[in-house]
C-alpha cells in the first residue's frame, strides 16, 4: 500500500549551527561602584563557533540529532558511525520499523 511505503521513509539533512553559551542576564548583572571600570564582555567570532549538525526524521518526527565534534571532518568512517546511531535510534523509537520491510 502506498501510504505504508511513505511511512517507512527516513530522510536527513546537515547544517551548520552556531555553538554559543551566552551569559544569562542574571549572570551578567553584578553590583559595581559607579567609578568601577565597566566589565568588558568578549565578542565571539561566530564562524569559529559553528558545528555541523545532522538531523534525521520520518513522518512521526525527529529520530536523531547528531553533532560533529569541533575540528573533526566528515569521513566515510564518521558517516558510517552516524548511520549506526540512526539505526539504534530507529530501533528504540520506531520498534518494528526495520523488521517490517
PDB file of N, CA and C in Angstrom:
ATOM      1  N   UNK A   1       0.852  -1.185   0.000  1.00  0.00           N
ATOM      2  CA  UNK A   1       0.000   0.000   0.000  1.00  0.00           C
ATOM      3  C   UNK A   1       0.891   1.239   0.000  1.00  0.00           C
ATOM      4  N   UNK A   2       0.538   2.243  -0.774  1.00  0.00           N
ATOM      5  CA  UNK A   2       1.372   3.434  -0.953  1.00  0.00           C
ATOM      6  C   UNK A   2       1.627   4.210   0.309  1.00  0.00           C
ATOM      7  N   UNK A   3       0.606   4.324   1.167  1.00  0.00           N
ATOM      8  CA  UNK A   3       0.782   5.081   2.409  1.00  0.00           C
ATOM      9  C   UNK A   3       1.758   4.378   3.339  1.00  0.00           C
ATOM     10  N   UNK A   4       1.689   3.047   3.379  1.00  0.00           N
ATOM     11  CA  UNK A   4       2.616   2.281   4.208  1.00  0.00           C
ATOM     12  C   UNK A   4       4.048   2.505   3.734  1.00  0.00           C
ATOM     13  N   UNK A   5       4.243   2.557   2.420  1.00  0.00           N
ATOM     14  CA  UNK A   5       5.567   2.821   1.861  1.00  0.00           C
ATOM     15  C   UNK A   5       6.080   4.193   2.306  1.00  0.00           C
ATOM     16  N   UNK A   6       5.235   5.211   2.209  1.00  0.00           N
ATOM     17  CA  UNK A   6       5.642   6.568   2.587  1.00  0.00           C
ATOM     18  C   UNK A   6       5.966   6.669   4.073  1.00  0.00           C
ATOM     19  N   UNK A   7       5.296   5.873   4.894  1.00  0.00           N
ATOM     20  CA  UNK A   7       5.548   5.900   6.335  1.00  0.00           C
ATOM     21  C   UNK A   7       6.897   5.298   6.704  1.00  0.00           C
ATOM     22  N   UNK A   8       7.551   4.615   5.776  1.00  0.00           N
ATOM     23  CA  UNK A   8       8.849   3.994   6.051  1.00  0.00           C
ATOM     24  C   UNK A   8      10.031   4.860   5.608  1.00  0.00           C
ATOM     25  N   UNK A   9       9.758   5.998   5.010  1.00  0.00           N
ATOM     26  CA  UNK A   9      10.834   6.865   4.522  1.00  0.00           C
ATOM     27  C   UNK A   9      11.468   7.627   5.684  1.00  0.00           C
ATOM     28  N   UNK A  10      12.787   7.577   5.718  1.00  0.00           N
ATOM     29  CA  UNK A  10      13.574   8.363   6.675  1.00  0.00           C
ATOM     30  C   UNK A  10      14.458   9.278   5.849  1.00  0.00           C
ATOM     31  N   UNK A  11      14.485  10.529   6.205  1.00  0.00           N
ATOM     32  CA  UNK A  11      15.319  11.485   5.476  1.00  0.00           C
ATOM     33  C   UNK A  11      16.212  12.230   6.461  1.00  0.00           C
ATOM     34  N   UNK A  12      17.234  12.852   5.935  1.00  0.00           N
ATOM     35  CA  UNK A  12      18.158  13.574   6.800  1.00  0.00           C
ATOM     36  C   UNK A  12      18.733  14.780   6.100  1.00  0.00           C
ATOM     37  N   UNK A  13      19.319  15.647   6.900  1.00  0.00           N
ATOM     38  CA  UNK A  13      19.952  16.841   6.355  1.00  0.00           C
ATOM     39  C   UNK A  13      21.055  17.279   7.301  1.00  0.00           C
ATOM     40  N   UNK A  14      22.005  17.976   6.742  1.00  0.00           N
ATOM     41  CA  UNK A  14      23.120  18.511   7.530  1.00  0.00           C
ATOM     42  C   UNK A  14      23.091  20.024   7.445  1.00  0.00           C
ATOM     43  N   UNK A  15      23.461  20.662   8.525  1.00  0.00           N
ATOM     44  CA  UNK A  15      23.516  22.119   8.541  1.00  0.00           C
ATOM     45  C   UNK A  15      24.563  22.564   9.556  1.00  0.00           C
ATOM     46  N   UNK A  16      25.040  23.763   9.371  1.00  0.00           N
ATOM     47  CA  UNK A  16      25.942  24.361  10.344  1.00  0.00           C
ATOM     48  C   UNK A  16      25.101  25.110  11.368  1.00  0.00           C
ATOM     49  N   UNK A  17      25.397  24.918  12.632  1.00  0.00           N
ATOM     50  CA  UNK A  17      24.703  25.653  13.687  1.00  0.00           C
ATOM     51  C   UNK A  17      25.740  26.390  14.517  1.00  0.00           C
ATOM     52  N   UNK A  18      25.330  27.505  15.044  1.00  0.00           N
ATOM     53  CA  UNK A  18      26.230  28.293  15.895  1.00  0.00           C
ATOM     54  C   UNK A  18      26.211  27.722  17.299  1.00  0.00           C
ATOM     55  N   UNK A  19      27.384  27.492  17.824  1.00  0.00           N
ATOM     56  CA  UNK A  19      27.517  26.929  19.160  1.00  0.00           C
ATOM     57  C   UNK A  19      27.963  28.039  20.106  1.00  0.00           C
ATOM     58  N   UNK A  20      27.019  28.600  20.828  1.00  0.00           N
ATOM     59  CA  UNK A  20      27.333  29.653  21.791  1.00  0.00           C
ATOM     60  C   UNK A  20      26.667  29.315  23.111  1.00  0.00           C
ATOM     61  N   UNK A  21      27.307  29.706  24.183  1.00  0.00           N
ATOM     62  CA  UNK A  21      26.709  29.580  25.504  1.00  0.00           C
ATOM     63  C   UNK A  21      26.650  30.985  26.085  1.00  0.00           C
ATOM     64  N   UNK A  22      25.602  31.708  25.727  1.00  0.00           N
ATOM     65  CA  UNK A  22      25.527  33.101  26.175  1.00  0.00           C
ATOM     66  C   UNK A  22      25.326  33.198  27.678  1.00  0.00           C
ATOM     67  N   UNK A  23      25.895  34.243  28.230  1.00  0.00           N
ATOM     68  CA  UNK A  23      25.729  34.521  29.648  1.00  0.00           C
ATOM     69  C   UNK A  23      24.311  35.050  29.852  1.00  0.00           C
ATOM     70  N   UNK A  24      23.613  34.509  30.834  1.00  0.00           N
ATOM     71  CA  UNK A  24      22.247  34.979  31.062  1.00  0.00           C
ATOM     72  C   UNK A  24      22.278  36.395  31.629  1.00  0.00           C
ATOM     73  N   UNK A  25      21.146  37.065  31.544  1.00  0.00           N
ATOM     74  CA  UNK A  25      21.055  38.432  32.057  1.00  0.00           C
ATOM     75  C   UNK A  25      21.392  38.446  33.549  1.00  0.00           C
ATOM     76  N   UNK A  26      20.895  37.452  34.285  1.00  0.00           N
ATOM     77  CA  UNK A  26      21.154  37.374  35.725  1.00  0.00           C
ATOM     78  C   UNK A  26      22.646  37.190  35.990  1.00  0.00           C
ATOM     79  N   UNK A  27      23.307  36.340  35.198  1.00  0.00           N
ATOM     80  CA  UNK A  27      24.733  36.104  35.396  1.00  0.00           C
ATOM     81  C   UNK A  27      25.556  37.349  35.091  1.00  0.00           C
ATOM     82  N   UNK A  28      25.107  38.152  34.138  1.00  0.00           N
ATOM     83  CA  UNK A  28      25.903  39.315  33.755  1.00  0.00           C
ATOM     84  C   UNK A  28      25.671  40.505  34.682  1.00  0.00           C
ATOM     85  N   UNK A  29      24.637  40.441  35.517  1.00  0.00           N
ATOM     86  CA  UNK A  29      24.364  41.553  36.438  1.00  0.00           C
ATOM     87  C   UNK A  29      25.162  41.351  37.726  1.00  0.00           C
ATOM     88  N   UNK A  30      25.956  42.308  38.071  1.00  0.00           N
ATOM     89  CA  UNK A  30      26.625  42.295  39.366  1.00  0.00           C
ATOM     90  C   UNK A  30      26.812  43.738  39.799  1.00  0.00           C
ATOM     91  N   UNK A  31      26.705  43.950  41.078  1.00  0.00           N
ATOM     92  CA  UNK A  31      26.786  45.301  41.602  1.00  0.00           C
ATOM     93  C   UNK A  31      28.213  45.805  41.501  1.00  0.00           C
ATOM     94  N   UNK A  32      28.364  47.049  41.038  1.00  0.00           N
ATOM     95  CA  UNK A  32      29.669  47.696  40.967  1.00  0.00           C
ATOM     96  C   UNK A  32      29.509  49.147  41.376  1.00  0.00           C
ATOM     97  N   UNK A  33      30.565  49.689  41.945  1.00  0.00           N
ATOM     98  CA  UNK A  33      30.593  51.102  42.294  1.00  0.00           C
ATOM     99  C   UNK A  33      30.605  51.901  41.000  1.00  0.00           C
ATOM    100  N   UNK A  34      30.039  53.097  41.028  1.00  0.00           N
ATOM    101  CA  UNK A  34      29.947  53.906  39.809  1.00  0.00           C
ATOM    102  C   UNK A  34      31.303  54.209  39.188  1.00  0.00           C
ATOM    103  N   UNK A  35      32.360  54.334  40.017  1.00  0.00           N
ATOM    104  CA  UNK A  35      33.689  54.621  39.480  1.00  0.00           C
ATOM    105  C   UNK A  35      34.424  53.351  39.038  1.00  0.00           C
ATOM    106  N   UNK A  36      33.847  52.206  39.285  1.00  0.00           N
ATOM    107  CA  UNK A  36      34.496  50.954  38.878  1.00  0.00           C
ATOM    108  C   UNK A  36      34.522  50.865  37.359  1.00  0.00           C
ATOM    109  N   UNK A  37      35.582  50.297  36.830  1.00  0.00           N
ATOM    110  CA  UNK A  37      35.611  50.115  35.372  1.00  0.00           C
ATOM    111  C   UNK A  37      34.513  49.134  34.960  1.00  0.00           C
ATOM    112  N   UNK A  38      33.943  49.384  33.813  1.00  0.00           N
ATOM    113  CA  UNK A  38      32.886  48.511  33.309  1.00  0.00           C
ATOM    114  C   UNK A  38      33.464  47.147  32.965  1.00  0.00           C
ATOM    115  N   UNK A  39      32.688  46.132  33.276  1.00  0.00           N
ATOM    116  CA  UNK A  39      33.096  44.776  32.948  1.00  0.00           C
ATOM    117  C   UNK A  39      33.081  44.623  31.427  1.00  0.00           C
ATOM    118  N   UNK A  40      34.189  44.149  30.886  1.00  0.00           N
ATOM    119  CA  UNK A  40      34.287  44.010  29.442  1.00  0.00           C
ATOM    120  C   UNK A  40      33.748  42.647  29.028  1.00  0.00           C
ATOM    121  N   UNK A  41      32.869  42.655  28.048  1.00  0.00           N
ATOM    122  CA  UNK A  41      32.339  41.406  27.524  1.00  0.00           C
ATOM    123  C   UNK A  41      33.060  41.100  26.223  1.00  0.00           C
ATOM    124  N   UNK A  42      33.404  39.856  26.057  1.00  0.00           N
ATOM    125  CA  UNK A  42      34.141  39.452  24.874  1.00  0.00           C
ATOM    126  C   UNK A  42      33.175  39.044  23.779  1.00  0.00           C
ATOM    127  N   UNK A  43      33.475  39.471  22.581  1.00  0.00           N
ATOM    128  CA  UNK A  43      32.677  39.055  21.431  1.00  0.00           C
ATOM    129  C   UNK A  43      33.256  37.747  20.908  1.00  0.00           C
ATOM    130  N   UNK A  44      32.380  36.843  20.569  1.00  0.00           N
ATOM    131  CA  UNK A  44      32.862  35.593  19.999  1.00  0.00           C
ATOM    132  C   UNK A  44      32.853  35.711  18.486  1.00  0.00           C
ATOM    133  N   UNK A  45      33.805  35.063  17.886  1.00  0.00           N
ATOM    134  CA  UNK A  45      33.830  35.004  16.436  1.00  0.00           C
ATOM    135  C   UNK A  45      32.865  33.909  16.030  1.00  0.00           C
ATOM    136  N   UNK A  46      31.755  34.308  15.425  1.00  0.00           N
ATOM    137  CA  UNK A  46      30.696  33.359  15.142  1.00  0.00           C
ATOM    138  C   UNK A  46      31.141  32.229  14.219  1.00  0.00           C
ATOM    139  N   UNK A  47      31.974  32.518  13.229  1.00  0.00           N
ATOM    140  CA  UNK A  47      32.375  31.455  12.313  1.00  0.00           C
ATOM    141  C   UNK A  47      33.209  30.401  13.032  1.00  0.00           C
ATOM    142  N   UNK A  48      33.937  30.794  14.084  1.00  0.00           N
ATOM    143  CA  UNK A  48      34.737  29.836  14.835  1.00  0.00           C
ATOM    144  C   UNK A  48      33.866  28.996  15.757  1.00  0.00           C
ATOM    145  N   UNK A  49      32.617  29.399  15.944  1.00  0.00           N
ATOM    146  CA  UNK A  49      31.728  28.709  16.863  1.00  0.00           C
ATOM    147  C   UNK A  49      30.713  27.810  16.148  1.00  0.00           C
ATOM    148  N   UNK A  50      30.874  27.583  14.870  1.00  0.00           N
ATOM    149  CA  UNK A  50      29.931  26.746  14.137  1.00  0.00           C
ATOM    150  C   UNK A  50      30.301  25.277  14.274  1.00  0.00           C
ATOM    151  N   UNK A  51      29.272  24.435  14.405  1.00  0.00           N
ATOM    152  CA  UNK A  51      29.487  22.992  14.387  1.00  0.00           C
ATOM    153  C   UNK A  51      28.462  22.368  13.440  1.00  0.00           C
ATOM    154  N   UNK A  52      28.813  21.221  12.903  1.00  0.00           N
ATOM    155  CA  UNK A  52      27.933  20.526  11.962  1.00  0.00           C
ATOM    156  C   UNK A  52      26.892  19.720  12.731  1.00  0.00           C
ATOM    157  N   UNK A  53      25.650  19.879  12.325  1.00  0.00           N
ATOM    158  CA  UNK A  53      24.536  19.162  12.930  1.00  0.00           C
ATOM    159  C   UNK A  53      23.853  18.337  11.839  1.00  0.00           C
ATOM    160  N   UNK A  54      23.646  17.059  12.115  1.00  0.00           N
ATOM    161  CA  UNK A  54      22.932  16.188  11.187  1.00  0.00           C
ATOM    162  C   UNK A  54      21.638  15.752  11.858  1.00  0.00           C
ATOM    163  N   UNK A  55      20.524  15.904  11.154  1.00  0.00           N
ATOM    164  CA  UNK A  55      19.209  15.564  11.697  1.00  0.00           C
ATOM    165  C   UNK A  55      18.542  14.554  10.766  1.00  0.00           C
ATOM    166  N   UNK A  56      17.989  13.488  11.356  1.00  0.00           N
ATOM    167  CA  UNK A  56      17.217  12.500  10.606  1.00  0.00           C
ATOM    168  C   UNK A  56      15.808  12.468  11.168  1.00  0.00           C
ATOM    169  N   UNK A  57      14.809  12.331  10.281  1.00  0.00           N
ATOM    170  CA  UNK A  57      13.424  12.287  10.733  1.00  0.00           C
ATOM    171  C   UNK A  57      12.587  11.443   9.785  1.00  0.00           C
ATOM    172  N   UNK A  58      11.413  11.056  10.282  1.00  0.00           N
ATOM    173  CA  UNK A  58      10.424  10.374   9.457  1.00  0.00           C
ATOM    174  C   UNK A  58       9.089  11.086   9.633  1.00  0.00           C
ATOM    175  N   UNK A  59       8.009  10.476   9.201  1.00  0.00           N
ATOM    176  CA  UNK A  59       6.697  11.126   9.236  1.00  0.00           C
ATOM    177  C   UNK A  59       6.203  11.381  10.653  1.00  0.00           C
ATOM    178  N   UNK A  60       6.757  10.669  11.639  1.00  0.00           N
ATOM    179  CA  UNK A  60       6.328  10.869  13.028  1.00  0.00           C
ATOM    180  C   UNK A  60       7.132  11.945  13.750  1.00  0.00           C
ATOM    181  N   UNK A  61       8.322  12.246  13.253  1.00  0.00           N
ATOM    182  CA  UNK A  61       9.134  13.265  13.912  1.00  0.00           C
ATOM    183  C   UNK A  61      10.620  12.967  13.845  1.00  0.00           C
ATOM    184  N   UNK A  62      11.369  13.666  14.676  1.00  0.00           N
ATOM    185  CA  UNK A  62      12.833  13.569  14.685  1.00  0.00           C
ATOM    186  C   UNK A  62      13.264  12.225  15.262  1.00  0.00           C
ATOM    187  N   UNK A  63      14.193  11.585  14.574  1.00  0.00           N
ATOM    188  CA  UNK A  63      14.759  10.323  15.034  1.00  0.00           C
ATOM    189  C   UNK A  63      16.120  10.520  15.685  1.00  0.00           C
ATOM    190  N   UNK A  64      16.936  11.385  15.112  1.00  0.00           N
ATOM    191  CA  UNK A  64      18.300  11.555  15.607  1.00  0.00           C
ATOM    192  C   UNK A  64      18.801  12.953  15.289  1.00  0.00           C
ATOM    193  N   UNK A  65      19.452  13.556  16.260  1.00  0.00           N
ATOM    194  CA  UNK A  65      20.205  14.795  16.059  1.00  0.00           C
ATOM    195  C   UNK A  65      21.627  14.474  16.484  1.00  0.00           C
ATOM    196  N   UNK A  66      22.560  14.625  15.575  1.00  0.00           N
ATOM    197  CA  UNK A  66      23.953  14.265  15.837  1.00  0.00           C
ATOM    198  C   UNK A  66      24.844  15.462  15.534  1.00  0.00           C
ATOM    199  N   UNK A  67      25.750  15.761  16.448  1.00  0.00           N
ATOM    200  CA  UNK A  67      26.669  16.885  16.275  1.00  0.00           C
ATOM    201  C   UNK A  67      28.068  16.359  16.002  1.00  0.00           C
ATOM    202  N   UNK A  68      28.694  16.904  14.990  1.00  0.00           N
ATOM    203  CA  UNK A  68      30.067  16.547  14.662  1.00  0.00           C
ATOM    204  C   UNK A  68      30.986  17.285  15.626  1.00  0.00           C
ATOM    205  N   UNK A  69      31.861  16.568  16.325  1.00  0.00           N
ATOM    206  CA  UNK A  69      32.766  17.254  17.254  1.00  0.00           C
ATOM    207  C   UNK A  69      33.586  18.326  16.543  1.00  0.00           C
ATOM    208  N   UNK A  70      33.792  19.433  17.230  1.00  0.00           N
ATOM    209  CA  UNK A  70      34.534  20.555  16.663  1.00  0.00           C
ATOM    210  C   UNK A  70      35.922  20.093  16.214  1.00  0.00           C
ATOM    211  N   UNK A  71      36.298  20.521  15.033  1.00  0.00           N
ATOM    212  CA  UNK A  71      37.614  20.189  14.498  1.00  0.00           C
ATOM    213  C   UNK A  71      37.639  18.883  13.717  1.00  0.00           C
ATOM    214  N   UNK A  72      36.568  18.109  13.800  1.00  0.00           N
ATOM    215  CA  UNK A  72      36.516  16.838  13.084  1.00  0.00           C
ATOM    216  C   UNK A  72      35.862  17.047  11.720  1.00  0.00           C
ATOM    217  N   UNK A  73      36.300  16.305  10.734  1.00  0.00           N
ATOM    218  CA  UNK A  73      35.694  16.399   9.410  1.00  0.00           C
ATOM    219  C   UNK A  73      34.890  15.132   9.131  1.00  0.00           C
ATOM    220  N   UNK A  74      33.935  15.258   8.222  1.00  0.00           N
ATOM    221  CA  UNK A  74      33.113  14.103   7.878  1.00  0.00           C
ATOM    222  C   UNK A  74      33.912  13.196   6.951  1.00  0.00           C
ATOM    223  N   UNK A  75      34.102  11.984   7.399  1.00  0.00           N
ATOM    224  CA  UNK A  75      34.768  10.959   6.599  1.00  0.00           C
ATOM    225  C   UNK A  75      33.777   9.813   6.417  1.00  0.00           C
ATOM    226  N   UNK A  76      34.144   8.851   5.598  1.00  0.00           N
ATOM    227  CA  UNK A  76      33.274   7.687   5.405  1.00  0.00           C
ATOM    228  C   UNK A  76      33.060   6.964   6.734  1.00  0.00           C
ATOM    229  N   UNK A  77      34.123   6.825   7.517  1.00  0.00           N
ATOM    230  CA  UNK A  77      34.009   6.140   8.808  1.00  0.00           C
ATOM    231  C   UNK A  77      33.091   6.905   9.757  1.00  0.00           C
ATOM    232  N   UNK A  78      33.225   8.208   9.775  1.00  0.00           N
ATOM    233  CA  UNK A  78      32.376   9.034  10.647  1.00  0.00           C
ATOM    234  C   UNK A  78      30.913   8.952  10.211  1.00  0.00           C
ATOM    235  N   UNK A  79      30.662   8.968   8.910  1.00  0.00           N
ATOM    236  CA  UNK A  79      29.291   8.892   8.411  1.00  0.00           C
ATOM    237  C   UNK A  79      28.686   7.523   8.717  1.00  0.00           C
ATOM    238  N   UNK A  80      29.486   6.466   8.609  1.00  0.00           N
ATOM    239  CA  UNK A  80      29.007   5.124   8.970  1.00  0.00           C
ATOM    240  C   UNK A  80      28.626   5.071  10.445  1.00  0.00           C
ATOM    241  N   UNK A  81      29.402   5.724  11.297  1.00  0.00           N
ATOM    242  CA  UNK A  81      29.075   5.781  12.729  1.00  0.00           C
ATOM    243  C   UNK A  81      27.750   6.508  12.945  1.00  0.00           C
ATOM    244  N   UNK A  82      27.527   7.589  12.210  1.00  0.00           N
ATOM    245  CA  UNK A  82      26.257   8.315  12.310  1.00  0.00           C
ATOM    246  C   UNK A  82      25.101   7.425  11.874  1.00  0.00           C
ATOM    247  N   UNK A  83      25.292   6.647  10.810  1.00  0.00           N
ATOM    248  CA  UNK A  83      24.236   5.742  10.352  1.00  0.00           C
ATOM    249  C   UNK A  83      23.971   4.629  11.365  1.00  0.00           C
ATOM    250  N   UNK A  84      25.012   4.175  12.079  1.00  0.00           N
ATOM    251  CA  UNK A  84      24.802   3.184  13.149  1.00  0.00           C
ATOM    252  C   UNK A  84      23.970   3.797  14.275  1.00  0.00           C
ATOM    253  N   UNK A  85      24.254   5.069  14.601  1.00  0.00           N
ATOM    254  CA  UNK A  85      23.448   5.766  15.618  1.00  0.00           C
ATOM    255  C   UNK A  85      21.994   5.884  15.159  1.00  0.00           C
ATOM    256  N   UNK A  86      21.807   6.162  13.872  1.00  0.00           N
ATOM    257  CA  UNK A  86      20.458   6.264  13.324  1.00  0.00           C
ATOM    258  C   UNK A  86      19.736   4.928  13.437  1.00  0.00           C
ATOM    259  N   UNK A  87      20.422   3.851  13.116  1.00  0.00           N
ATOM    260  CA  UNK A  87      19.808   2.517  13.218  1.00  0.00           C
ATOM    261  C   UNK A  87      19.353   2.240  14.648  1.00  0.00           C
ATOM    262  N   UNK A  88      20.217   2.556  15.627  1.00  0.00           N
ATOM    263  CA  UNK A  88      19.839   2.361  17.041  1.00  0.00           C
ATOM    264  C   UNK A  88      18.653   3.244  17.408  1.00  0.00           C
ATOM    265  N   UNK A  89      18.634   4.479  16.894  1.00  0.00           N
ATOM    266  CA  UNK A  89      17.523   5.392  17.189  1.00  0.00           C
ATOM    267  C   UNK A  89      16.215   4.852  16.618  1.00  0.00           C
ATOM    268  N   UNK A  90      16.264   4.303  15.408  1.00  0.00           N
ATOM    269  CA  UNK A  90      15.060   3.724  14.803  1.00  0.00           C
ATOM    270  C   UNK A  90      14.599   2.517  15.617  1.00  0.00           C
ATOM    271  N   UNK A  91      15.547   1.673  16.035  1.00  0.00           N
ATOM    272  CA  UNK A  91      15.192   0.503  16.838  1.00  0.00           C
ATOM    273  C   UNK A  91      14.528   0.910  18.152  1.00  0.00           C
ATOM    274  N   UNK A  92      15.001   1.997  18.755  1.00  0.00           N
ATOM    275  CA  UNK A  92      14.453   2.439  20.040  1.00  0.00           C
ATOM    276  C   UNK A  92      13.153   3.217  19.899  1.00  0.00           C
ATOM    277  N   UNK A  93      13.056   4.053  18.876  1.00  0.00           N
ATOM    278  CA  UNK A  93      11.901   4.950  18.753  1.00  0.00           C
ATOM    279  C   UNK A  93      10.793   4.414  17.859  1.00  0.00           C
ATOM    280  N   UNK A  94      11.131   3.535  16.913  1.00  0.00           N
ATOM    281  CA  UNK A  94      10.142   3.022  15.959  1.00  0.00           C
ATOM    282  C   UNK A  94      10.235   1.498  15.921  1.00  0.00           C
ATOM    283  N   UNK A  95       9.937   0.887  17.044  1.00  0.00           N
ATOM    284  CA  UNK A  95      10.048  -0.571  17.152  1.00  0.00           C
ATOM    285  C   UNK A  95       9.299  -1.259  16.015  1.00  0.00           C
ATOM    286  N   UNK A  96       9.961  -2.203  15.370  1.00  0.00           N
ATOM    287  CA  UNK A  96       9.356  -2.959  14.284  1.00  0.00           C
ATOM    288  C   UNK A  96       9.543  -2.344  12.915  1.00  0.00           C
ATOM    289  N   UNK A  97       9.967  -1.106  12.838  1.00  0.00           N
ATOM    290  CA  UNK A  97      10.099  -0.443  11.536  1.00  0.00           C
ATOM    291  C   UNK A  97      11.145  -1.129  10.652  1.00  0.00           C
ATOM    292  N   UNK A  98      12.261  -1.550  11.243  1.00  0.00           N
ATOM    293  CA  UNK A  98      13.318  -2.170  10.454  1.00  0.00           C
ATOM    294  C   UNK A  98      12.965  -3.605  10.068  1.00  0.00           C
ATOM    295  N   UNK A  99      12.241  -4.303  10.918  1.00  0.00           N
ATOM    296  CA  UNK A  99      11.924  -5.705  10.636  1.00  0.00           C
ATOM    297  C   UNK A  99      10.711  -5.873   9.729  1.00  0.00           C
ATOM    298  N   UNK A 100       9.927  -4.812   9.554  1.00  0.00           N
ATOM    299  CA  UNK A 100       8.726  -4.905   8.722  1.00  0.00           C
ATOM    300  C   UNK A 100       8.967  -4.521   7.272  1.00  0.00           C
ATOM    301  N   UNK A 101      10.195  -4.603   6.835  1.00  0.00           N
ATOM    302  CA  UNK A 101      10.460  -4.312   5.425  1.00  0.00           C
ATOM    303  C   UNK A 101      11.029  -2.981   5.272  1.00  0.00           C
TER     304      UNK A 101
END
